[in-house]
Amino acid sequence: MRAVVTGAAGHVGANLVRELLEHGFRVRAAVYQDTRGVDGLDVEQVRVDVLEPDSLDEAFRAVDMVYHLAAVISVSGDPGMRMRRVNVEGTRNVVAACLQHKVKRLVHFSSIHAFSHRPEGQPIDENRGQAEPDALAYDLTKAAGERQVLKGVEHGLDAVIVNPTAILGPYDYKPSHMGQVLLDLHAGKFPALVDGGFDWVDVRDVVRGAFYAGKIGRRGERYLLSGKWAPFEELARIVGEVTGARVPGFVAPMWLARLGAPFAAAYNRARGKRPLYTGSSLRALRCHKWVSSSKAREAFGYKARPLQETVADTFAWFEGAGMLREEPAGGGS
């Protein structure tokens, strides 16, 4: 079986490529610039820009399956509209290339953020509606990307969609937004924590779930891949236990976090760094508390490992990759 993976060198892509190789796939790794996630693996590397249909035409020749991961993630809007172009137009181009080359199946990686936040305080499953007009720009682009895939299904494409929650785990070279959160907690860069949390899921569980969704999932269906909801306070405590780092003891109430968000974002931008949170993104800390993966569990036996194991394995990988250059506040790792 031959598969192409777009965004193959990203955090999820690097893990998915390894999962596919374990199952005996011949993998064509479609990469954009940074190739560290797949360097040294027994794969065919091809340069792909999802906004350039000609590059997709070449990459999708003679493959059985396509796993579409290439996307832009942002919690601070979409200046220049690049996120929308990649996440929506790029997905449309991928769908067209799959139809053109008669790909047997497309597995499209979406996000929990494609779903509506409303009604708040109730479990989210695949019956929840899509993100509404007042949602974050990222949420809207992921929802629109799903619609492009479902249009392809209407035209005969065999496709499934997977919706992971907040992803942590190894092979996070860049690092990802959530990986940077772990590194900053370890390095003592958080003066305080925020009163809120996410549903955290291990990247290895996500790619295994995506593999089985691609293998036996039903055409045109979405599958939520969740882990465990935990507040930032619990995540920080686990980081401290795993690494010996001294983590913040103060948890800022949401009103205070919202007040400080514009200043924190401006400070990070001035330093050339991604903001860890913005005023608009703080809402997500309250909206994804109950996420059900029962559909994936019943369809193909999906399960998620404990958060403590994920954090421990992630820091072990960070250390092996030489990414823990700074001593943590309060002790060594």
Protein backbone atom coordinates (compact mmCIF):
# COMPACT_ATOMS: atom_id res chain seq x y z
CA MET A 1 0.00 0.00 0.00
CA ARG A 2 1.38 3.40 -1.01
CA ALA A 3 0.35 6.55 0.86
CA VAL A 4 1.18 10.22 0.62
CA VAL A 5 1.18 12.40 3.74
CA THR A 6 0.91 16.17 3.35
CA GLY A 7 2.52 18.11 6.19
CA ALA A 8 4.62 15.00 6.80
CA ALA A 9 7.40 16.79 8.71
CA GLY A 10 5.10 18.50 11.20
CA HIS A 11 4.43 17.17 14.69
CA VAL A 12 1.48 14.96 13.76
CA GLY A 13 2.93 14.14 10.36
CA ALA A 14 6.22 12.87 11.77
CA ASN A 15 4.32 10.49 14.05
CA LEU A 16 1.90 9.40 11.35
CA VAL A 17 4.70 8.56 8.93
CA ARG A 18 6.26 6.32 11.58
CA GLU A 19 2.90 4.67 12.24
CA LEU A 20 2.40 3.95 8.54
CA LEU A 21 5.90 2.53 8.17
CA GLU A 22 5.19 0.17 11.07
CA HIS A 23 2.19 -1.12 9.13
CA GLY A 24 4.26 -1.77 6.02
CA PHE A 25 3.17 1.23 3.97
CA ARG A 26 5.38 2.78 1.34
CA VAL A 27 5.25 6.45 2.25
CA ARG A 28 5.67 9.52 0.09
CA ALA A 29 6.34 12.34 2.54
CA ALA A 30 5.05 15.64 1.14
CA VAL A 31 7.01 18.41 2.84
CA TYR A 32 7.05 22.18 2.46
CA GLN A 33 10.33 23.45 3.98
CA ASP A 34 11.51 21.91 7.26
CA THR A 35 12.18 18.19 6.78
CA ARG A 36 13.58 17.22 10.21
CA GLY A 37 10.49 15.22 11.13
CA VAL A 38 11.11 12.66 8.39
CA ASP A 39 14.86 12.89 7.76
CA GLY A 40 16.54 9.50 8.00
CA LEU A 41 13.33 7.52 7.49
CA ASP A 42 12.73 5.10 4.63
CA VAL A 43 10.38 7.42 2.77
CA GLU A 44 10.26 9.27 -0.53
CA GLN A 45 10.43 12.99 0.16
CA VAL A 46 8.69 15.36 -2.26
CA ARG A 47 8.34 19.12 -2.04
CA VAL A 48 4.70 20.16 -2.01
CA ASP A 49 2.81 23.42 -1.58
CA VAL A 50 -0.90 22.71 -1.24
CA LEU A 51 -1.59 26.09 -2.86
CA GLU A 52 0.16 24.90 -6.04
CA PRO A 53 -1.97 22.23 -7.76
CA ASP A 54 0.91 21.18 -10.02
CA SER A 55 2.96 20.05 -7.03
CA LEU A 56 -0.01 18.01 -5.76
CA ASP A 57 -0.51 16.47 -9.19
CA GLU A 58 3.01 15.10 -9.10
CA ALA A 59 2.84 13.95 -5.47
CA PHE A 60 -0.50 12.13 -5.80
CA ARG A 61 0.44 9.97 -8.78
CA ALA A 62 0.17 6.22 -8.20
CA VAL A 63 -0.85 6.32 -4.52
CA ASP A 64 -3.63 4.42 -2.79
CA MET A 65 -4.25 6.75 0.15
CA VAL A 66 -3.76 10.38 1.05
CA TYR A 67 -3.46 11.69 4.60
CA HIS A 68 -3.95 15.44 4.52
CA LEU A 69 -2.33 17.20 7.49
CA ALA A 70 -0.80 20.36 6.01
CA ALA A 71 -2.35 23.36 7.77
CA VAL A 72 -1.64 26.68 9.45
CA ILE A 73 -2.51 27.07 13.14
CA SER A 74 -2.91 30.47 14.78
CA VAL A 75 -4.48 31.85 17.97
CA SER A 76 -3.89 35.46 16.91
CA GLY A 77 -6.05 35.90 13.83
CA ASP A 78 -5.15 35.50 10.20
CA PRO A 79 -3.09 38.46 8.96
CA GLY A 80 -2.55 38.21 5.24
CA MET A 81 -5.21 35.45 5.04
CA ARG A 82 -2.55 32.76 4.63
CA MET A 83 -4.23 30.50 7.17
CA ARG A 84 -7.49 30.57 5.26
CA ARG A 85 -5.73 29.99 1.97
CA VAL A 86 -3.83 26.95 3.21
CA ASN A 87 -6.60 25.44 5.35
CA VAL A 88 -9.44 25.97 2.90
CA GLU A 89 -8.06 26.54 -0.61
CA GLY A 90 -5.27 24.05 0.04
CA THR A 91 -7.78 21.43 1.15
CA ARG A 92 -9.87 22.10 -1.95
CA ASN A 93 -6.78 21.50 -4.08
CA VAL A 94 -6.04 18.26 -2.22
CA VAL A 95 -9.60 17.03 -2.77
CA ALA A 96 -9.39 17.85 -6.49
CA ALA A 97 -6.08 16.01 -6.82
CA CYS A 98 -7.52 12.96 -5.03
CA LEU A 99 -10.46 12.87 -7.44
CA GLN A 100 -8.21 13.39 -10.44
CA HIS A 101 -5.92 10.51 -9.50
CA LYS A 102 -8.72 8.24 -8.26
CA VAL A 103 -7.19 7.91 -4.80
CA LYS A 104 -8.87 5.08 -2.91
CA ARG A 105 -9.26 7.03 0.33
CA LEU A 106 -8.52 10.45 1.81
CA VAL A 107 -8.05 10.86 5.57
CA HIS A 108 -8.44 14.54 6.39
CA PHE A 109 -7.08 15.88 9.67
CA SER A 110 -9.38 18.54 11.06
CA SER A 111 -9.69 19.66 14.70
CA ILE A 112 -11.99 19.87 17.71
CA HIS A 113 -12.04 23.57 16.83
CA ALA A 114 -14.14 22.88 13.75
CA PHE A 115 -17.12 22.28 16.07
CA SER A 116 -19.35 24.94 17.58
CA HIS A 117 -18.67 26.09 21.14
CA ARG A 118 -22.41 26.10 21.77
CA PRO A 119 -24.16 24.95 23.80
CA GLU A 120 -21.43 25.43 26.39
CA GLY A 121 -21.22 23.01 29.28
CA GLN A 122 -22.52 20.05 27.29
CA PRO A 123 -20.54 17.11 25.82
CA ILE A 124 -19.22 17.47 22.30
CA ASP A 125 -19.64 14.62 19.86
CA GLU A 126 -19.83 14.34 16.08
CA ASN A 127 -23.44 15.56 16.07
CA ARG A 128 -22.35 19.02 17.25
CA GLY A 129 -22.72 21.74 14.59
CA GLN A 130 -19.80 23.51 12.98
CA ALA A 131 -18.03 26.63 14.27
CA GLU A 132 -20.20 29.72 14.09
CA PRO A 133 -19.33 33.13 12.57
CA ASP A 134 -18.10 34.58 15.87
CA ALA A 135 -15.55 31.77 16.38
CA LEU A 136 -11.77 32.13 16.05
CA ALA A 137 -10.39 32.49 12.54
CA TYR A 138 -8.66 29.12 12.93
CA ASP A 139 -11.91 27.42 13.91
CA LEU A 140 -13.67 28.84 10.86
CA THR A 141 -10.96 27.69 8.48
CA LYS A 142 -11.04 24.13 9.86
CA ALA A 143 -14.82 24.00 9.52
CA ALA A 144 -14.58 25.33 5.97
CA GLY A 145 -11.88 22.78 5.16
CA GLU A 146 -14.22 19.99 6.28
CA ARG A 147 -16.89 21.32 3.95
CA GLN A 148 -14.45 21.06 1.04
CA VAL A 149 -13.86 17.41 1.90
CA LEU A 150 -17.58 16.67 2.12
CA LYS A 151 -18.12 18.33 -1.27
CA GLY A 152 -15.54 15.90 -2.61
CA VAL A 153 -17.50 13.02 -1.05
CA GLU A 154 -20.57 14.21 -2.93
CA HIS A 155 -18.53 13.91 -6.14
CA GLY A 156 -17.47 10.35 -5.42
CA LEU A 157 -14.44 10.74 -3.16
CA ASP A 158 -14.03 8.16 -0.40
CA ALA A 159 -12.95 10.29 2.56
CA VAL A 160 -13.07 10.32 6.35
CA ILE A 161 -12.34 13.18 8.76
CA VAL A 162 -10.61 12.96 12.13
CA ASN A 163 -10.93 15.67 14.79
CA PRO A 164 -8.22 15.52 17.48
CA THR A 165 -8.14 17.74 20.56
CA ALA A 166 -5.00 19.46 21.97
CA ILE A 167 -2.04 17.34 20.91
CA LEU A 168 1.09 16.55 22.93
CA GLY A 169 3.82 14.02 22.33
CA PRO A 170 7.23 13.16 20.86
CA TYR A 171 8.82 14.02 17.48
CA ASP A 172 7.85 17.66 18.01
CA TYR A 173 10.81 19.31 16.28
CA LYS A 174 9.59 22.86 15.62
CA PRO A 175 8.04 22.68 18.37
CA SER A 176 4.24 22.84 18.09
CA HIS A 177 2.21 25.40 20.02
CA MET A 178 1.39 22.90 22.76
CA GLY A 179 4.92 21.54 22.80
CA GLN A 180 6.16 25.07 23.43
CA VAL A 181 3.78 25.28 26.39
CA LEU A 182 5.51 22.24 27.93
CA LEU A 183 8.97 23.66 27.26
CA ASP A 184 8.05 27.03 28.76
CA LEU A 185 6.60 25.37 31.85
CA HIS A 186 9.84 23.42 32.25
CA ALA A 187 11.95 26.56 31.83
CA GLY A 188 9.93 28.58 34.35
CA LYS A 189 8.66 31.08 31.77
CA PHE A 190 5.10 31.12 33.05
CA PRO A 191 4.72 33.72 35.82
CA ALA A 192 1.23 32.34 36.46
CA LEU A 193 -1.21 29.79 35.14
CA VAL A 194 -4.62 30.45 33.58
CA ASP A 195 -7.84 29.22 35.14
CA GLY A 196 -8.87 26.82 32.39
CA GLY A 197 -7.68 23.80 30.50
CA PHE A 198 -7.88 21.62 27.40
CA ASP A 199 -8.64 18.07 26.46
CA TRP A 200 -5.08 16.80 25.99
CA VAL A 201 -4.38 13.83 23.72
CA ASP A 202 -1.21 11.93 22.85
CA VAL A 203 -0.09 12.35 19.24
CA ARG A 204 0.63 8.62 19.02
CA ASP A 205 -2.97 7.83 19.92
CA VAL A 206 -4.18 10.35 17.35
CA VAL A 207 -2.19 8.86 14.48
CA ARG A 208 -3.17 5.32 15.45
CA GLY A 209 -6.80 6.42 15.51
CA ALA A 210 -6.37 8.10 12.13
CA PHE A 211 -4.79 4.95 10.71
CA TYR A 212 -7.79 2.83 11.71
CA ALA A 213 -10.23 5.52 10.63
CA GLY A 214 -8.59 5.30 7.22
CA LYS A 215 -8.71 1.53 7.27
CA ILE A 216 -12.26 0.85 8.46
CA GLY A 217 -13.98 4.21 9.06
CA ARG A 218 -17.18 4.92 7.16
CA ARG A 219 -17.09 7.13 4.08
CA GLY A 220 -18.03 10.74 4.80
CA GLU A 221 -17.90 10.34 8.60
CA ARG A 222 -16.07 12.39 11.23
CA TYR A 223 -14.31 10.84 14.22
CA LEU A 224 -13.38 12.76 17.37
CA LEU A 225 -10.05 11.66 18.86
CA SER A 226 -9.84 12.96 22.43
CA GLY A 227 -7.78 12.22 25.53
CA LYS A 228 -8.30 13.71 28.98
CA TRP A 229 -9.47 17.17 29.97
CA ALA A 230 -7.16 18.67 32.56
CA PRO A 231 -6.68 22.24 33.82
CA PHE A 232 -3.36 23.96 33.20
CA GLU A 233 -2.74 23.62 36.93
CA GLU A 234 -2.78 19.81 36.64
CA LEU A 235 -0.64 19.83 33.49
CA ALA A 236 1.93 22.04 35.26
CA ARG A 237 1.93 19.75 38.28
CA ILE A 238 2.65 16.75 36.05
CA VAL A 239 5.48 18.64 34.33
CA GLY A 240 6.95 19.40 37.75
CA GLU A 241 6.71 15.76 38.82
CA VAL A 242 8.26 14.49 35.58
CA THR A 243 11.11 17.01 35.25
CA GLY A 244 11.72 18.43 38.72
CA ALA A 245 10.92 21.92 37.49
CA ARG A 246 9.36 24.44 39.86
CA VAL A 247 6.03 25.40 38.32
CA PRO A 248 3.83 28.42 39.09
CA GLY A 249 1.58 28.18 42.09
CA PHE A 250 -0.64 31.12 41.21
CA VAL A 251 -3.65 30.49 38.96
CA ALA A 252 -4.96 33.70 37.39
CA PRO A 253 -8.75 33.97 37.22
CA MET A 254 -10.16 34.24 33.72
CA TRP A 255 -11.03 37.92 34.05
CA LEU A 256 -7.42 38.73 34.90
CA ALA A 257 -6.10 36.56 32.07
CA ARG A 258 -8.35 38.37 29.60
CA LEU A 259 -7.14 41.72 30.92
CA GLY A 260 -3.50 40.74 30.47
CA ALA A 261 -3.84 38.89 27.15
CA PRO A 262 -3.26 41.90 24.84
CA PHE A 263 -0.08 42.84 26.70
CA ALA A 264 1.22 39.27 26.73
CA ALA A 265 0.54 38.91 23.01
CA ALA A 266 2.25 42.21 22.20
CA TYR A 267 5.26 41.23 24.32
CA ASN A 268 5.67 37.92 22.51
CA ARG A 269 5.28 39.51 19.09
CA ALA A 270 7.96 42.06 19.97
CA ARG A 271 10.29 39.16 20.77
CA GLY A 272 9.41 37.41 17.52
CA LYS A 273 7.58 34.60 19.31
CA ARG A 274 4.12 33.14 18.92
CA PRO A 275 1.68 34.26 21.62
CA LEU A 276 0.74 31.37 23.88
CA TYR A 277 -2.75 32.76 24.28
CA THR A 278 -4.84 35.70 23.17
CA GLY A 279 -8.03 37.25 24.45
CA SER A 280 -10.11 35.46 21.84
CA SER A 281 -8.46 32.07 22.35
CA LEU A 282 -9.09 32.05 26.11
CA ARG A 283 -12.69 31.11 25.40
CA ALA A 284 -11.57 27.67 24.20
CA LEU A 285 -10.24 26.94 27.70
CA ARG A 286 -13.84 26.68 28.88
CA CYS A 287 -15.50 25.11 25.85
CA HIS A 288 -13.92 21.70 25.22
CA LYS A 289 -14.24 20.15 28.66
CA TRP A 290 -16.36 17.15 27.72
CA VAL A 291 -15.33 15.59 24.41
CA SER A 292 -16.63 12.15 23.51
CA SER A 293 -14.61 9.66 21.45
CA SER A 294 -17.24 6.93 21.84
CA LYS A 295 -17.87 6.81 18.09
CA ALA A 296 -14.19 6.11 17.34
CA ARG A 297 -14.00 3.68 20.25
CA GLU A 298 -16.96 1.68 18.97
CA ALA A 299 -15.89 1.85 15.32
CA PHE A 300 -12.24 0.83 15.62
CA GLY A 301 -11.29 0.47 19.28
CA TYR A 302 -9.77 3.93 19.77
CA LYS A 303 -8.30 4.59 23.20
CA ALA A 304 -6.07 7.22 24.80
CA ARG A 305 -3.19 6.71 27.21
CA PRO A 306 -2.76 8.53 30.56
CA LEU A 307 -1.64 12.18 30.42
CA GLN A 308 1.25 11.48 32.84
CA GLU A 309 2.69 8.95 30.37
CA THR A 310 2.39 11.40 27.50
CA VAL A 311 4.18 14.19 29.37
CA ALA A 312 6.96 11.86 30.53
CA ASP A 313 7.55 10.48 27.04
CA THR A 314 7.46 13.95 25.50
CA PHE A 315 10.15 15.28 27.84
CA ALA A 316 12.25 12.17 27.30
CA TRP A 317 12.10 12.90 23.58
CA PHE A 318 12.80 16.63 24.08
CA GLU A 319 15.89 15.71 26.10
CA GLY A 320 17.11 13.22 23.50
CA ALA A 321 16.59 15.81 20.76
CA GLY A 322 18.65 18.40 22.66
CA MET A 323 15.70 20.74 23.19
CA LEU A 324 16.08 21.11 26.98
CA ARG A 325 19.03 23.48 26.81
CA GLU A 326 17.85 25.65 29.69
CA GLU A 327 17.89 24.46 33.28
CA PRO A 328 14.37 24.39 34.69
CA ALA A 329 13.55 26.83 37.46
CA GLY A 330 14.28 25.07 40.74
CA GLY A 331 16.30 22.11 39.54
CA GLY A 332 17.58 19.92 36.75
CA SER A 333 15.60 17.59 34.55
